[in-house]
Amino acid sequence: EGMAADIVIFDPEKVQDLATFEKPHAYSTGFAYVLVNGKVTVDRGRHTGERNGKTLRNGL
């Protein structure tokens, strides 16, 4: 309790990086669900718009 956790549910057979130099922000495929600090960020492979993460600095 009181701790943050991230969870990723994916199919390793389907994970693929789609980013290129021309499209550096293209999303990868194969990730069914991603939860960041308990909020669903990717739901059935689609980004929900949730932005619940934070930048970690100096090893924190």
C-alpha atoms as a PDB file:
ATOM      1  CA  GLU A   1       0.000   0.000   0.000  1.00  0.00           C
ATOM      2  CA  GLY A   2       1.216   3.481  -0.819  1.00  0.00           C
ATOM      3  CA  MET A   3       3.638   2.247  -3.493  1.00  0.00           C
ATOM      4  CA  ALA A   4       3.379   2.856  -7.260  1.00  0.00           C
ATOM      5  CA  ALA A   5       3.395  -0.048  -9.719  1.00  0.00           C
ATOM      6  CA  ASP A   6       3.330  -0.443 -13.485  1.00  0.00           C
ATOM      7  CA  ILE A   7       1.954  -3.549 -15.209  1.00  0.00           C
ATOM      8  CA  VAL A   8       2.346  -4.556 -18.861  1.00  0.00           C
ATOM      9  CA  ILE A   9       0.414  -7.422 -20.447  1.00  0.00           C
ATOM     10  CA  PHE A  10       1.795  -8.347 -23.847  1.00  0.00           C
ATOM     11  CA  ASP A  11       2.254 -11.121 -26.385  1.00  0.00           C
ATOM     12  CA  PRO A  12       6.002 -11.535 -27.001  1.00  0.00           C
ATOM     13  CA  GLU A  13       5.263 -13.073 -30.410  1.00  0.00           C
ATOM     14  CA  LYS A  14       3.469  -9.892 -31.538  1.00  0.00           C
ATOM     15  CA  VAL A  15       5.641  -7.119 -30.068  1.00  0.00           C
ATOM     16  CA  GLN A  16       6.975  -4.936 -32.865  1.00  0.00           C
ATOM     17  CA  ASP A  17       8.603  -1.497 -32.908  1.00  0.00           C
ATOM     18  CA  LEU A  18       7.019   0.614 -35.663  1.00  0.00           C
ATOM     19  CA  ALA A  19       9.046   3.805 -35.106  1.00  0.00           C
ATOM     20  CA  THR A  20      11.260   5.037 -37.937  1.00  0.00           C
ATOM     21  CA  PHE A  21      13.358   8.154 -38.487  1.00  0.00           C
ATOM     22  CA  GLU A  22      10.417   9.607 -40.430  1.00  0.00           C
ATOM     23  CA  LYS A  23       7.838   8.582 -37.770  1.00  0.00           C
ATOM     24  CA  PRO A  24       9.753   8.517 -34.453  1.00  0.00           C
ATOM     25  CA  HIS A  25       6.597   8.616 -32.299  1.00  0.00           C
ATOM     26  CA  ALA A  26       4.815   5.607 -33.836  1.00  0.00           C
ATOM     27  CA  TYR A  27       3.462   3.267 -31.153  1.00  0.00           C
ATOM     28  CA  SER A  28       4.750  -0.270 -30.850  1.00  0.00           C
ATOM     29  CA  THR A  29       2.329  -3.169 -31.310  1.00  0.00           C
ATOM     30  CA  GLY A  30       1.720  -6.319 -29.281  1.00  0.00           C
ATOM     31  CA  PHE A  31       0.915  -4.643 -25.961  1.00  0.00           C
ATOM     32  CA  ALA A  32      -2.640  -5.503 -24.889  1.00  0.00           C
ATOM     33  CA  TYR A  33      -2.764  -3.597 -21.590  1.00  0.00           C
ATOM     34  CA  VAL A  34      -0.477  -1.154 -19.803  1.00  0.00           C
ATOM     35  CA  LEU A  35      -1.216   0.210 -16.340  1.00  0.00           C
ATOM     36  CA  VAL A  36       0.890   3.101 -15.033  1.00  0.00           C
ATOM     37  CA  ASN A  37       0.529   3.874 -11.334  1.00  0.00           C
ATOM     38  CA  GLY A  38      -2.736   1.947 -11.315  1.00  0.00           C
ATOM     39  CA  LYS A  39      -4.335   3.783 -14.270  1.00  0.00           C
ATOM     40  CA  VAL A  40      -5.052   2.040 -17.594  1.00  0.00           C
ATOM     41  CA  THR A  41      -2.882   3.702 -20.247  1.00  0.00           C
ATOM     42  CA  VAL A  42      -3.263   1.102 -23.021  1.00  0.00           C
ATOM     43  CA  ASP A  43      -6.541  -0.825 -23.294  1.00  0.00           C
ATOM     44  CA  ARG A  44      -6.741  -3.662 -25.859  1.00  0.00           C
ATOM     45  CA  GLY A  45      -3.790  -2.181 -27.734  1.00  0.00           C
ATOM     46  CA  ARG A  46      -5.099   1.397 -27.885  1.00  0.00           C
ATOM     47  CA  HIS A  47      -3.768   4.364 -25.933  1.00  0.00           C
ATOM     48  CA  THR A  48      -6.450   5.768 -23.613  1.00  0.00           C
ATOM     49  CA  GLY A  49      -4.957   9.246 -23.329  1.00  0.00           C
ATOM     50  CA  GLU A  50      -4.171   8.612 -19.654  1.00  0.00           C
ATOM     51  CA  ARG A  51      -0.840  10.140 -18.639  1.00  0.00           C
ATOM     52  CA  ASN A  52      -0.286   8.974 -15.073  1.00  0.00           C
ATOM     53  CA  GLY A  53       3.495   8.488 -15.135  1.00  0.00           C
ATOM     54  CA  LYS A  54       6.166  10.794 -13.842  1.00  0.00           C
ATOM     55  CA  THR A  55       9.834  11.368 -14.583  1.00  0.00           C
ATOM     56  CA  LEU A  56      12.243   9.717 -12.166  1.00  0.00           C
ATOM     57  CA  ARG A  57      15.470  11.622 -11.520  1.00  0.00           C
ATOM     58  CA  ASN A  58      18.626  10.957  -9.495  1.00  0.00           C
ATOM     59  CA  GLY A  59      17.702   7.333  -8.856  1.00  0.00           C
ATOM     60  CA  LEU A  60      14.376   8.214  -7.190  1.00  0.00           C
END
